[in-house]
Amino acid sequence: MTQERLLGDDDPPVFRIERPDGRSSVLITCDHAGRAIPRRLNRLQLSEETLSTHVAWDLGVAELGRRLSLRLDAFLIQHNYSRLVIDANRPPGAADSIPVLSERTRIAANEGLSAQGRRQRLEEVFTPYHRRIGSEIDRRNRQGSPSVLLALHSFTPIYLGEERPWHAGVLFGRDPRLGRLMHSRLSQDNSLLVGENAPYAVSDDTDYTIVVHGEQRKIPHVELEIRQDLLQSDAGVEHWSERLAQALEVTLPQLIGRS
C-alpha cells in the first residue's frame, strides 16, 4: 500500500533560491526563514497569532537574507517551513528536532508522533533542503570555485523572561577562522554588543547546517544571529545587510585561498 505523502500539490516548495548563479563565494542559508505548515498537519493546532511569533520562525531573517544576497550577488537558499514541523538546523533525532515545547508554547500535535510521521517530515521537509545545499557546494568544488558558508538567523530579545543584551551573535564550533574575524570586525563598532558564541553556542547536538556543510567539508563558515527587534523596520534590515556585507568584504580576502 502506497503511503500518502505529507506535502500536497497546494503546499509550498520546501525551499526557495535566489541568485543561483551569484558570483560571490558566499553561500547564504536561512534555516528558519519560513513558517509554512503542511496542510495535512492543520497548522499543528496552533493559532495564527502563535505562528506569527519567533516560536515558529526567525523574524526578519528572510528579508535580511534577500538584501544581503542582492548586496553580495550571493547564492541564497531559504527554508519555507516552520521549525515546528521539523527544525532544519537540528540533527535528525535530536530532542528538539520536532519540538513539543518552544519556549513556553506547547506543541501538542507533535507529542507522541509515530516513527512514520517523523520519517515523513525528515524525508519531505528536511532532507531536500540539505541535499540542495550540498549539491551547490559540490558544484563549486567541481568547478574549482571557493565556497564560504554563511548561516543566517535572528533571535528574540527576551527569552524565558530574560533580556538578551547582544545586538548580534557570531557563532562557530571547531573551526573559528571566519567566526573570529567577523566577531572582531563587527566589534569595532563600540555601540554594538556582539556575542561570541552567544546567545547560543554551536555543538553537534544543537546545530546541523554549519556542522555538516561547513565543518565536515572544511570550508570557511559562520553562523550569524541578529536580534529581531533590530530587523523590524525596512531601515533596520537595510542597515544590517549593509553592515554584514561590509564586514564580509573585509574578512573574506583573508580566508579565500587558505581554506
C-alpha atoms as a PDB file:
ATOM      1  CA  MET A   1       0.000   0.000   0.000  1.00  0.00           C
ATOM      2  CA  THR A   2       1.410   3.384  -1.006  1.00  0.00           C
ATOM      3  CA  GLN A   3       1.799   5.804   1.868  1.00  0.00           C
ATOM      4  CA  GLU A   4       0.133   9.177   1.382  1.00  0.00           C
ATOM      5  CA  ARG A   5       2.655  11.985   1.120  1.00  0.00           C
ATOM      6  CA  LEU A   6       2.828  14.705   3.749  1.00  0.00           C
ATOM      7  CA  LEU A   7       3.187  17.552   1.248  1.00  0.00           C
ATOM      8  CA  GLY A   8       0.381  18.073  -1.225  1.00  0.00           C
ATOM      9  CA  ASP A   9       0.300  19.870  -4.538  1.00  0.00           C
ATOM     10  CA  ASP A  10      -1.051  23.001  -2.868  1.00  0.00           C
ATOM     11  CA  ASP A  11       1.744  23.166  -0.269  1.00  0.00           C
ATOM     12  CA  PRO A  12       4.690  25.497  -0.934  1.00  0.00           C
ATOM     13  CA  PRO A  13       8.031  24.072  -2.037  1.00  0.00           C
ATOM     14  CA  VAL A  14      10.447  23.085   0.714  1.00  0.00           C
ATOM     15  CA  PHE A  15      12.892  25.867  -0.129  1.00  0.00           C
ATOM     16  CA  ARG A  16      13.372  28.853  -2.373  1.00  0.00           C
ATOM     17  CA  ILE A  17      16.566  30.003  -4.042  1.00  0.00           C
ATOM     18  CA  GLU A  18      17.705  33.418  -5.197  1.00  0.00           C
ATOM     19  CA  ARG A  19      20.751  34.179  -7.343  1.00  0.00           C
ATOM     20  CA  PRO A  20      21.583  30.562  -8.183  1.00  0.00           C
ATOM     21  CA  ASP A  21      24.408  31.877 -10.381  1.00  0.00           C
ATOM     22  CA  GLY A  22      25.649  34.505  -7.931  1.00  0.00           C
ATOM     23  CA  ARG A  23      29.303  35.377  -8.419  1.00  0.00           C
ATOM     24  CA  SER A  24      30.173  35.650  -4.718  1.00  0.00           C
ATOM     25  CA  SER A  25      31.961  32.815  -2.946  1.00  0.00           C
ATOM     26  CA  VAL A  26      29.389  33.228  -0.164  1.00  0.00           C
ATOM     27  CA  LEU A  27      26.510  30.763   0.089  1.00  0.00           C
ATOM     28  CA  ILE A  28      23.776  32.095   2.394  1.00  0.00           C
ATOM     29  CA  THR A  29      21.386  29.768   4.200  1.00  0.00           C
ATOM     30  CA  CYS A  30      18.287  30.765   6.188  1.00  0.00           C
ATOM     31  CA  ASP A  31      17.158  27.640   8.029  1.00  0.00           C
ATOM     32  CA  HIS A  32      14.231  29.359   9.770  1.00  0.00           C
ATOM     33  CA  ALA A  33      13.075  31.817   7.105  1.00  0.00           C
ATOM     34  CA  GLY A  34       9.574  30.400   6.691  1.00  0.00           C
ATOM     35  CA  ARG A  35       6.587  29.456   8.790  1.00  0.00           C
ATOM     36  CA  ALA A  36       4.617  27.237   6.424  1.00  0.00           C
ATOM     37  CA  ILE A  37       2.833  24.178   7.829  1.00  0.00           C
ATOM     38  CA  PRO A  38       1.782  21.299   5.547  1.00  0.00           C
ATOM     39  CA  ARG A  39      -1.989  21.466   5.089  1.00  0.00           C
ATOM     40  CA  ARG A  40      -2.331  17.890   6.298  1.00  0.00           C
ATOM     41  CA  LEU A  41      -0.985  18.977   9.703  1.00  0.00           C
ATOM     42  CA  ASN A  42      -3.776  21.531  10.221  1.00  0.00           C
ATOM     43  CA  ARG A  43      -1.416  24.282  11.440  1.00  0.00           C
ATOM     44  CA  LEU A  44      -0.255  21.893  14.196  1.00  0.00           C
ATOM     45  CA  GLN A  45      -3.411  23.038  16.016  1.00  0.00           C
ATOM     46  CA  LEU A  46      -1.754  26.396  16.707  1.00  0.00           C
ATOM     47  CA  SER A  47      -3.267  29.852  16.339  1.00  0.00           C
ATOM     48  CA  GLU A  48      -2.244  32.319  13.671  1.00  0.00           C
ATOM     49  CA  GLU A  49      -1.009  34.559  16.487  1.00  0.00           C
ATOM     50  CA  THR A  50       1.403  31.877  17.705  1.00  0.00           C
ATOM     51  CA  LEU A  51       2.599  31.049  14.201  1.00  0.00           C
ATOM     52  CA  SER A  52       3.448  34.715  13.611  1.00  0.00           C
ATOM     53  CA  THR A  53       5.896  34.843  16.547  1.00  0.00           C
ATOM     54  CA  HIS A  54       9.520  33.762  16.998  1.00  0.00           C
ATOM     55  CA  VAL A  55       8.226  30.437  18.283  1.00  0.00           C
ATOM     56  CA  ALA A  56       7.602  29.364  14.678  1.00  0.00           C
ATOM     57  CA  TRP A  57      10.349  31.134  12.691  1.00  0.00           C
ATOM     58  CA  ASP A  58      13.185  33.678  12.721  1.00  0.00           C
ATOM     59  CA  LEU A  59      11.517  37.056  12.356  1.00  0.00           C
ATOM     60  CA  GLY A  60      13.168  39.388   9.849  1.00  0.00           C
ATOM     61  CA  VAL A  61      15.721  36.912   8.588  1.00  0.00           C
ATOM     62  CA  ALA A  62      14.085  36.212   5.222  1.00  0.00           C
ATOM     63  CA  GLU A  63      14.273  39.836   4.103  1.00  0.00           C
ATOM     64  CA  LEU A  64      17.745  40.238   5.603  1.00  0.00           C
ATOM     65  CA  GLY A  65      18.893  37.233   3.601  1.00  0.00           C
ATOM     66  CA  ARG A  66      17.412  38.628   0.396  1.00  0.00           C
ATOM     67  CA  ARG A  67      19.034  42.041   0.880  1.00  0.00           C
ATOM     68  CA  LEU A  68      22.410  40.509   1.718  1.00  0.00           C
ATOM     69  CA  SER A  69      22.195  38.179  -1.261  1.00  0.00           C
ATOM     70  CA  LEU A  70      21.488  41.147  -3.525  1.00  0.00           C
ATOM     71  CA  ARG A  71      24.264  43.237  -1.995  1.00  0.00           C
ATOM     72  CA  LEU A  72      26.878  40.482  -2.375  1.00  0.00           C
ATOM     73  CA  ASP A  73      25.500  38.805  -5.502  1.00  0.00           C
ATOM     74  CA  ALA A  74      25.439  35.608  -3.452  1.00  0.00           C
ATOM     75  CA  PHE A  75      23.571  32.308  -3.740  1.00  0.00           C
ATOM     76  CA  LEU A  76      20.723  32.249  -1.203  1.00  0.00           C
ATOM     77  CA  ILE A  77      18.628  29.309  -0.040  1.00  0.00           C
ATOM     78  CA  GLN A  78      15.770  29.769   2.422  1.00  0.00           C
ATOM     79  CA  HIS A  79      13.733  27.045   4.092  1.00  0.00           C
ATOM     80  CA  ASN A  80      10.000  27.694   3.719  1.00  0.00           C
ATOM     81  CA  TYR A  81       8.623  25.552   6.558  1.00  0.00           C
ATOM     82  CA  SER A  82       8.324  26.318  10.245  1.00  0.00           C
ATOM     83  CA  ARG A  83      10.862  24.807  12.595  1.00  0.00           C
ATOM     84  CA  LEU A  84       7.830  23.435  14.469  1.00  0.00           C
ATOM     85  CA  VAL A  85       7.297  20.933  11.626  1.00  0.00           C
ATOM     86  CA  ILE A  86      10.946  19.845  11.749  1.00  0.00           C
ATOM     87  CA  ASP A  87      13.895  22.053  12.588  1.00  0.00           C
ATOM     88  CA  ALA A  88      16.223  22.427   9.595  1.00  0.00           C
ATOM     89  CA  ASN A  89      19.091  23.274  11.960  1.00  0.00           C
ATOM     90  CA  ARG A  90      18.839  20.294  14.300  1.00  0.00           C
ATOM     91  CA  PRO A  91      20.324  16.847  13.791  1.00  0.00           C
ATOM     92  CA  PRO A  92      17.558  14.354  12.975  1.00  0.00           C
ATOM     93  CA  GLY A  93      16.736  12.506  16.159  1.00  0.00           C
ATOM     94  CA  ALA A  94      17.703  15.376  18.465  1.00  0.00           C
ATOM     95  CA  ALA A  95      15.216  16.013  21.251  1.00  0.00           C
ATOM     96  CA  ASP A  96      14.046  19.299  19.691  1.00  0.00           C
ATOM     97  CA  SER A  97      14.265  18.242  16.054  1.00  0.00           C
ATOM     98  CA  ILE A  98      10.464  18.049  16.131  1.00  0.00           C
ATOM     99  CA  PRO A  99       9.725  20.124  19.247  1.00  0.00           C
ATOM    100  CA  VAL A 100       6.922  19.500  21.679  1.00  0.00           C
ATOM    101  CA  LEU A 101       7.746  22.735  23.537  1.00  0.00           C
ATOM    102  CA  SER A 102       9.041  26.009  22.091  1.00  0.00           C
ATOM    103  CA  GLU A 103       9.926  28.469  24.831  1.00  0.00           C
ATOM    104  CA  ARG A 104       6.656  28.252  26.827  1.00  0.00           C
ATOM    105  CA  THR A 105       4.422  27.157  23.936  1.00  0.00           C
ATOM    106  CA  ARG A 106       3.298  23.551  23.963  1.00  0.00           C
ATOM    107  CA  ILE A 107       3.156  21.880  20.529  1.00  0.00           C
ATOM    108  CA  ALA A 108       0.644  19.180  21.418  1.00  0.00           C
ATOM    109  CA  ALA A 109       0.317  18.000  17.813  1.00  0.00           C
ATOM    110  CA  ASN A 110       3.950  16.870  17.917  1.00  0.00           C
ATOM    111  CA  GLU A 111       3.522  14.770  21.046  1.00  0.00           C
ATOM    112  CA  GLY A 112       3.523  11.030  20.534  1.00  0.00           C
ATOM    113  CA  LEU A 113       4.408  11.364  16.864  1.00  0.00           C
ATOM    114  CA  SER A 114       4.832   7.981  15.220  1.00  0.00           C
ATOM    115  CA  ALA A 115       8.076   6.804  13.636  1.00  0.00           C
ATOM    116  CA  GLN A 116       6.343   7.022  10.261  1.00  0.00           C
ATOM    117  CA  GLY A 117       5.277  10.602  10.937  1.00  0.00           C
ATOM    118  CA  ARG A 118       8.815  11.552  11.903  1.00  0.00           C
ATOM    119  CA  ARG A 119      10.230   9.851   8.836  1.00  0.00           C
ATOM    120  CA  GLN A 120       7.798  11.730   6.569  1.00  0.00           C
ATOM    121  CA  ARG A 121       8.877  15.087   7.927  1.00  0.00           C
ATOM    122  CA  LEU A 122      12.537  14.154   7.640  1.00  0.00           C
ATOM    123  CA  GLU A 123      12.286  12.847   4.076  1.00  0.00           C
ATOM    124  CA  GLU A 124       9.945  15.501   2.686  1.00  0.00           C
ATOM    125  CA  VAL A 125      10.745  18.689   4.619  1.00  0.00           C
ATOM    126  CA  PHE A 126      14.293  18.360   5.987  1.00  0.00           C
ATOM    127  CA  THR A 127      16.347  16.287   3.561  1.00  0.00           C
ATOM    128  CA  PRO A 128      15.566  18.115   0.269  1.00  0.00           C
ATOM    129  CA  TYR A 129      16.802  21.398   1.739  1.00  0.00           C
ATOM    130  CA  HIS A 130      20.120  19.996   2.897  1.00  0.00           C
ATOM    131  CA  ARG A 131      20.566  17.949  -0.245  1.00  0.00           C
ATOM    132  CA  ARG A 132      20.314  21.186  -2.252  1.00  0.00           C
ATOM    133  CA  ILE A 133      22.890  22.950  -0.058  1.00  0.00           C
ATOM    134  CA  GLY A 134      25.235  20.007  -0.507  1.00  0.00           C
ATOM    135  CA  SER A 135      24.742  19.915  -4.266  1.00  0.00           C
ATOM    136  CA  GLU A 136      25.617  23.604  -4.567  1.00  0.00           C
ATOM    137  CA  ILE A 137      28.875  23.124  -2.668  1.00  0.00           C
ATOM    138  CA  ASP A 138      29.617  20.044  -4.792  1.00  0.00           C
ATOM    139  CA  ARG A 139      29.067  22.091  -7.958  1.00  0.00           C
ATOM    140  CA  ARG A 140      31.510  24.736  -6.808  1.00  0.00           C
ATOM    141  CA  ASN A 141      34.058  22.094  -5.887  1.00  0.00           C
ATOM    142  CA  ARG A 142      33.846  20.562  -9.354  1.00  0.00           C
ATOM    143  CA  GLN A 143      34.408  23.983 -10.894  1.00  0.00           C
ATOM    144  CA  GLY A 144      37.276  24.758  -8.561  1.00  0.00           C
ATOM    145  CA  SER A 145      35.348  27.703  -7.099  1.00  0.00           C
ATOM    146  CA  PRO A 146      35.637  28.592  -3.394  1.00  0.00           C
ATOM    147  CA  SER A 147      32.689  28.291  -1.013  1.00  0.00           C
ATOM    148  CA  VAL A 148      32.059  30.231   2.178  1.00  0.00           C
ATOM    149  CA  LEU A 149      29.015  29.210   4.196  1.00  0.00           C
ATOM    150  CA  LEU A 150      27.008  31.905   5.982  1.00  0.00           C
ATOM    151  CA  ALA A 151      24.122  30.589   8.084  1.00  0.00           C
ATOM    152  CA  LEU A 152      21.841  33.500   8.884  1.00  0.00           C
ATOM    153  CA  HIS A 153      19.482  33.566  11.890  1.00  0.00           C
ATOM    154  CA  SER A 154      17.699  36.004  14.187  1.00  0.00           C
ATOM    155  CA  PHE A 155      16.932  35.769  17.909  1.00  0.00           C
ATOM    156  CA  THR A 156      14.227  37.114  20.174  1.00  0.00           C
ATOM    157  CA  PRO A 157      15.212  40.000  22.513  1.00  0.00           C
ATOM    158  CA  ILE A 158      13.579  38.288  25.504  1.00  0.00           C
ATOM    159  CA  TYR A 159      13.632  34.547  26.111  1.00  0.00           C
ATOM    160  CA  LEU A 160      12.002  32.866  29.110  1.00  0.00           C
ATOM    161  CA  GLY A 161      11.667  36.286  30.719  1.00  0.00           C
ATOM    162  CA  GLU A 162      15.348  37.218  30.409  1.00  0.00           C
ATOM    163  CA  GLU A 163      16.552  40.105  28.271  1.00  0.00           C
ATOM    164  CA  ARG A 164      19.313  39.398  25.802  1.00  0.00           C
ATOM    165  CA  PRO A 165      21.652  42.380  25.579  1.00  0.00           C
ATOM    166  CA  TRP A 166      23.525  41.406  22.418  1.00  0.00           C
ATOM    167  CA  HIS A 167      22.788  43.174  19.167  1.00  0.00           C
ATOM    168  CA  ALA A 168      24.256  40.279  17.237  1.00  0.00           C
ATOM    169  CA  GLY A 169      25.942  36.962  17.829  1.00  0.00           C
ATOM    170  CA  VAL A 170      28.768  35.286  15.928  1.00  0.00           C
ATOM    171  CA  LEU A 171      28.692  31.517  16.276  1.00  0.00           C
ATOM    172  CA  PHE A 172      31.240  28.884  15.348  1.00  0.00           C
ATOM    173  CA  GLY A 173      32.409  25.492  16.537  1.00  0.00           C
ATOM    174  CA  ARG A 174      35.682  23.661  15.898  1.00  0.00           C
ATOM    175  CA  ASP A 175      36.748  25.948  13.054  1.00  0.00           C
ATOM    176  CA  PRO A 176      36.961  29.550  14.297  1.00  0.00           C
ATOM    177  CA  ARG A 177      38.576  31.085  11.197  1.00  0.00           C
ATOM    178  CA  LEU A 178      35.735  33.173   9.816  1.00  0.00           C
ATOM    179  CA  GLY A 179      33.870  33.482  13.104  1.00  0.00           C
ATOM    180  CA  ARG A 180      36.672  35.232  14.949  1.00  0.00           C
ATOM    181  CA  LEU A 181      37.394  37.536  12.035  1.00  0.00           C
ATOM    182  CA  MET A 182      33.732  38.528  11.788  1.00  0.00           C
ATOM    183  CA  HIS A 183      33.428  38.981  15.544  1.00  0.00           C
ATOM    184  CA  SER A 184      36.483  41.221  15.588  1.00  0.00           C
ATOM    185  CA  ARG A 185      35.229  43.280  12.667  1.00  0.00           C
ATOM    186  CA  LEU A 186      31.693  43.788  13.989  1.00  0.00           C
ATOM    187  CA  SER A 187      33.014  44.589  17.479  1.00  0.00           C
ATOM    188  CA  GLN A 188      34.973  47.547  16.150  1.00  0.00           C
ATOM    189  CA  ASP A 189      31.719  49.489  16.445  1.00  0.00           C
ATOM    190  CA  ASN A 190      31.670  50.429  20.109  1.00  0.00           C
ATOM    191  CA  SER A 191      27.910  50.963  20.012  1.00  0.00           C
ATOM    192  CA  LEU A 192      27.382  47.235  19.447  1.00  0.00           C
ATOM    193  CA  LEU A 193      27.480  44.334  21.865  1.00  0.00           C
ATOM    194  CA  VAL A 194      28.452  41.349  19.746  1.00  0.00           C
ATOM    195  CA  GLY A 195      28.361  37.927  21.340  1.00  0.00           C
ATOM    196  CA  GLU A 196      30.979  35.293  20.582  1.00  0.00           C
ATOM    197  CA  ASN A 197      29.052  32.015  20.684  1.00  0.00           C
ATOM    198  CA  ALA A 198      26.251  33.928  22.374  1.00  0.00           C
ATOM    199  CA  PRO A 199      23.282  33.896  22.743  1.00  0.00           C
ATOM    200  CA  TYR A 200      23.890  30.335  21.537  1.00  0.00           C
ATOM    201  CA  ALA A 201      26.855  28.012  21.285  1.00  0.00           C
ATOM    202  CA  VAL A 202      27.423  25.587  18.430  1.00  0.00           C
ATOM    203  CA  SER A 203      27.521  21.862  19.123  1.00  0.00           C
ATOM    204  CA  ASP A 204      26.888  18.605  17.291  1.00  0.00           C
ATOM    205  CA  ASP A 205      23.721  18.142  19.365  1.00  0.00           C
ATOM    206  CA  THR A 206      22.137  21.522  18.683  1.00  0.00           C
ATOM    207  CA  ASP A 207      23.351  22.546  15.216  1.00  0.00           C
ATOM    208  CA  TYR A 208      23.297  20.938  11.814  1.00  0.00           C
ATOM    209  CA  THR A 209      23.883  23.351   8.944  1.00  0.00           C
ATOM    210  CA  ILE A 210      27.340  24.729   9.722  1.00  0.00           C
ATOM    211  CA  VAL A 211      28.462  21.451  11.288  1.00  0.00           C
ATOM    212  CA  VAL A 212      27.563  19.284   8.280  1.00  0.00           C
ATOM    213  CA  HIS A 213      28.094  21.709   5.401  1.00  0.00           C
ATOM    214  CA  GLY A 214      30.845  23.812   6.972  1.00  0.00           C
ATOM    215  CA  GLU A 215      32.933  21.884   9.488  1.00  0.00           C
ATOM    216  CA  GLN A 216      32.700  18.484   7.828  1.00  0.00           C
ATOM    217  CA  ARG A 217      33.515  19.903   4.397  1.00  0.00           C
ATOM    218  CA  LYS A 218      36.313  22.025   5.834  1.00  0.00           C
ATOM    219  CA  ILE A 219      35.172  25.253   4.185  1.00  0.00           C
ATOM    220  CA  PRO A 220      35.092  28.645   5.938  1.00  0.00           C
ATOM    221  CA  HIS A 221      31.775  29.134   7.711  1.00  0.00           C
ATOM    222  CA  VAL A 222      29.984  31.185  10.323  1.00  0.00           C
ATOM    223  CA  GLU A 223      26.540  31.432  11.861  1.00  0.00           C
ATOM    224  CA  LEU A 224      25.299  34.982  12.405  1.00  0.00           C
ATOM    225  CA  GLU A 225      22.439  35.876  14.738  1.00  0.00           C
ATOM    226  CA  ILE A 226      20.794  39.323  14.635  1.00  0.00           C
ATOM    227  CA  ARG A 227      18.381  40.458  17.345  1.00  0.00           C
ATOM    228  CA  GLN A 228      14.871  40.551  15.958  1.00  0.00           C
ATOM    229  CA  ASP A 229      13.848  43.986  17.170  1.00  0.00           C
ATOM    230  CA  LEU A 230      16.671  45.408  15.030  1.00  0.00           C
ATOM    231  CA  LEU A 231      15.045  43.912  11.936  1.00  0.00           C
ATOM    232  CA  GLN A 232      11.508  45.207  12.459  1.00  0.00           C
ATOM    233  CA  SER A 233      11.783  48.097  10.002  1.00  0.00           C
ATOM    234  CA  ASP A 234      12.901  48.340   6.411  1.00  0.00           C
ATOM    235  CA  ALA A 235      15.635  50.710   7.524  1.00  0.00           C
ATOM    236  CA  GLY A 236      16.831  48.244  10.138  1.00  0.00           C
ATOM    237  CA  VAL A 237      17.051  45.392   7.652  1.00  0.00           C
ATOM    238  CA  GLU A 238      18.891  47.590   5.154  1.00  0.00           C
ATOM    239  CA  HIS A 239      21.292  48.776   7.848  1.00  0.00           C
ATOM    240  CA  TRP A 240      22.186  45.233   8.921  1.00  0.00           C
ATOM    241  CA  SER A 241      22.503  43.890   5.404  1.00  0.00           C
ATOM    242  CA  GLU A 242      24.993  46.656   4.623  1.00  0.00           C
ATOM    243  CA  ARG A 243      26.841  46.184   7.911  1.00  0.00           C
ATOM    244  CA  LEU A 244      27.231  42.439   7.362  1.00  0.00           C
ATOM    245  CA  ALA A 245      28.194  42.873   3.710  1.00  0.00           C
ATOM    246  CA  GLN A 246      30.942  45.322   4.613  1.00  0.00           C
ATOM    247  CA  ALA A 247      32.271  43.022   7.336  1.00  0.00           C
ATOM    248  CA  LEU A 248      32.366  40.076   4.937  1.00  0.00           C
ATOM    249  CA  GLU A 249      34.090  42.111   2.243  1.00  0.00           C
ATOM    250  CA  VAL A 250      36.876  42.924   4.690  1.00  0.00           C
ATOM    251  CA  THR A 251      37.270  39.451   6.189  1.00  0.00           C
ATOM    252  CA  LEU A 252      36.840  37.122   3.209  1.00  0.00           C
ATOM    253  CA  PRO A 253      40.046  38.113   1.390  1.00  0.00           C
ATOM    254  CA  GLN A 254      41.914  36.894   4.466  1.00  0.00           C
ATOM    255  CA  LEU A 255      40.442  33.395   4.017  1.00  0.00           C
ATOM    256  CA  ILE A 256      39.908  32.703   0.338  1.00  0.00           C
ATOM    257  CA  GLY A 257      42.742  30.589  -0.929  1.00  0.00           C
ATOM    258  CA  ARG A 258      43.603  29.361   2.589  1.00  0.00           C
ATOM    259  CA  SER A 259      40.533  27.172   3.164  1.00  0.00           C
END
